[in-house]
Protein backbone atom coordinates (compact mmCIF):
# COMPACT_ATOMS: atom_id res chain seq x y z
CA ASN A 1 -9.16 1.64 -10.35
CA THR A 2 -10.84 3.34 -12.62
CA TYR A 3 -11.39 7.40 -12.93
CA CYS A 4 -13.77 9.36 -15.23
CA LYS A 5 -12.06 11.65 -18.45
CA LYS A 6 -14.53 13.53 -20.25
CA GLY A 7 -17.28 10.77 -19.57
CA LYS A 8 -15.20 7.88 -20.15
CA ASN A 9 -14.14 5.07 -17.73
CA MET A 10 -10.39 4.51 -17.29
CA ARG A 11 -8.81 1.59 -15.60
CA VAL A 12 -5.38 3.02 -13.85
CA LYS A 13 -2.82 -0.37 -13.38
CA CYS A 14 0.50 -0.14 -11.26
CA GLY A 15 3.29 -2.68 -10.64
CA VAL A 16 6.37 -2.21 -8.88
CA ASP A 17 9.13 -3.96 -8.70
CA ILE A 18 13.03 -4.26 -6.51
CA ILE A 19 16.01 -5.63 -7.46
CA GLU A 20 19.41 -6.53 -5.89
CA ILE A 21 22.11 -4.88 -8.44
CA SER A 22 24.38 -7.99 -7.52
CA ARG A 23 21.40 -10.62 -9.08
CA ILE A 24 21.66 -8.84 -12.44
CA GLN A 25 25.50 -8.22 -11.71
CA ASP A 26 26.22 -12.55 -11.16
CA SER A 27 23.85 -13.17 -14.04
CA ILE A 28 25.56 -10.91 -16.44
CA GLU A 29 28.74 -12.51 -15.54
CA LYS A 30 27.96 -15.69 -15.48
CA LEU A 31 25.56 -16.43 -18.56
CA GLY A 32 26.89 -13.62 -20.53
CA ASP A 33 25.11 -12.83 -23.87
CA ALA A 34 23.00 -16.06 -23.67
CA PHE A 35 21.04 -14.15 -20.47
CA LEU A 36 21.90 -10.21 -21.82
CA ASN A 37 20.21 -11.44 -25.35
CA LYS A 38 17.27 -13.42 -23.26
CA VAL A 39 16.20 -10.83 -21.25
CA TYR A 40 16.96 -7.18 -22.65
CA THR A 41 16.55 -5.92 -26.66
CA ASN A 42 19.37 -4.60 -29.01
CA ARG A 43 18.76 -0.75 -27.37
CA GLU A 44 18.51 -1.40 -23.86
CA ILE A 45 21.68 -3.18 -23.98
CA GLU A 46 23.57 -0.70 -25.92
CA TYR A 47 22.31 2.06 -23.14
CA CYS A 48 23.84 -0.04 -20.81
CA GLU A 49 26.84 -1.34 -22.16
CA SER A 50 27.42 2.69 -22.67
CA LYS A 51 27.40 3.53 -18.89
CA GLY A 52 30.79 2.14 -18.32
CA LYS A 53 31.00 0.84 -14.85
CA ASN A 54 27.74 1.63 -13.74
CA LYS A 55 25.85 -0.86 -16.60
CA TYR A 56 25.05 -2.88 -13.73
CA GLN A 57 22.54 -0.65 -12.25
CA HIS A 58 21.19 0.16 -15.48
CA TYR A 59 20.45 -3.41 -16.25
CA ALA A 60 19.16 -4.08 -13.14
CA ALA A 61 16.53 -0.75 -13.65
CA ARG A 62 15.98 -2.04 -16.75
CA PHE A 63 15.16 -5.90 -15.03
CA ALA A 64 12.96 -4.00 -12.34
CA VAL A 65 10.89 -2.16 -14.87
CA LYS A 66 10.04 -5.46 -16.92
CA GLU A 67 8.97 -7.23 -13.40
CA ALA A 68 7.01 -3.85 -12.85
CA ALA A 69 5.52 -3.94 -16.35
CA PHE A 70 4.31 -7.47 -15.97
CA LYS A 71 2.90 -6.78 -12.67
CA ALA A 72 0.98 -3.43 -13.84
CA VAL A 73 -0.65 -5.91 -16.76
CA SER A 74 -0.79 -9.17 -15.24
CA GLU A 75 -4.70 -9.23 -14.32
CA GLY A 76 -5.48 -8.95 -18.29
CA VAL A 77 -3.27 -11.93 -19.85
CA GLU A 78 -4.28 -14.76 -20.09
CA ASP A 79 -1.38 -16.96 -20.74
CA LYS A 80 1.61 -14.61 -18.47
CA PHE A 81 4.18 -17.33 -20.08
CA ALA A 82 3.25 -16.05 -23.61
CA ILE A 83 4.91 -12.84 -22.45
CA SER A 84 8.61 -12.30 -23.56
CA TRP A 85 11.07 -10.48 -21.76
CA LYS A 86 11.78 -8.18 -25.16
CA ASP A 87 8.02 -7.07 -24.94
CA VAL A 88 8.95 -5.08 -22.76
CA GLU A 89 11.63 -2.57 -23.60
CA THR A 90 13.03 0.67 -21.79
CA VAL A 91 14.85 3.57 -23.33
CA ASN A 92 15.45 6.61 -22.73
CA ASP A 93 14.54 10.32 -24.40
CA LYS A 94 17.07 12.92 -25.51
CA GLN A 95 16.39 14.55 -22.30
CA GLY A 96 17.11 11.25 -20.32
CA ARG A 97 13.80 10.26 -18.90
CA PRO A 98 12.69 6.64 -19.40
CA LYS A 99 10.22 5.69 -21.52
CA THR A 100 8.85 1.85 -21.68
CA GLU A 101 6.96 0.63 -24.24
CA ILE A 102 4.80 -2.54 -23.55
CA LEU A 103 5.30 -4.35 -27.03
CA PHE A 104 2.19 -7.37 -26.03
CA LEU A 105 0.10 -4.27 -24.92
CA LYS A 106 -0.14 -2.61 -29.20
CA ASP A 107 -3.71 -4.00 -30.12
CA ARG A 108 -5.06 -3.36 -26.82
CA LYS A 109 -6.77 0.13 -25.42
CA VAL A 110 -4.01 1.38 -23.71
CA GLU A 111 -3.44 5.48 -23.51
CA ASN A 112 -0.49 5.85 -21.86
CA VAL A 113 2.46 3.96 -19.68
CA ASP A 114 4.50 5.80 -17.24
CA VAL A 115 7.71 4.56 -15.56
CA SER A 116 9.69 5.86 -12.84
CA ILE A 117 12.86 4.00 -12.11
CA SER A 118 15.62 4.98 -9.51
CA HIS A 119 19.05 2.85 -8.50
CA CYS A 120 21.55 3.63 -5.83
CA LYS A 121 24.63 1.50 -4.93
CA ASP A 122 22.92 -2.03 -4.05
CA TYR A 123 19.32 -1.87 -5.63
CA ALA A 124 16.92 -0.70 -8.53
CA VAL A 125 13.10 -0.05 -8.36
CA ALA A 126 11.03 0.93 -10.64
CA ASN A 127 7.22 1.80 -10.91
CA VAL A 128 5.31 1.34 -13.75
CA THR A 129 1.82 2.66 -14.45
CA VAL A 130 -0.45 1.74 -17.57
CA LEU A 131 -3.29 3.99 -18.35
CA TYR A 132 -5.94 1.82 -20.35
CA LYS A 133 -8.98 3.28 -22.51
C-alpha cells in the first residue's frame, strides 16, 4: 500500500491478531517467569501485574500486539527468527492510550507505528499499522 504525503510515496503495512486469554493465562501459570521474561519487557510485566485479577487480559493484549506487529513488518524482515518477542514493547501513556515501539525497526525509515487493542472476558485483539517513509 502506498499513498502520497507532500509528494512522497509512503508505505502502510498492517497486522492484526486475536488470542484466547486462557492460552496466555495457562502459559503464565505453567511456565511462570520463564514465559514472562521470554515474551514481555520489564515495563510490560510491571503494567500487567498492576491490573490485579485482570492481568491476564492485559498480558494477552500485549501478546496480540507482538503478533500483529510481526505480521505488519514480516515483508521487510529477512530472518523472522532474528526478531525477539521483546523487540515489540507496548506501554500506556498518561492518558491510558497504548503506544507500541518496534525496536528492530529503529534503523529503518518508519514514520509512525499505531496500535489499537481491545479485550473482553475471553479474547484479546490488536491491530498494528506501520507507516514507512
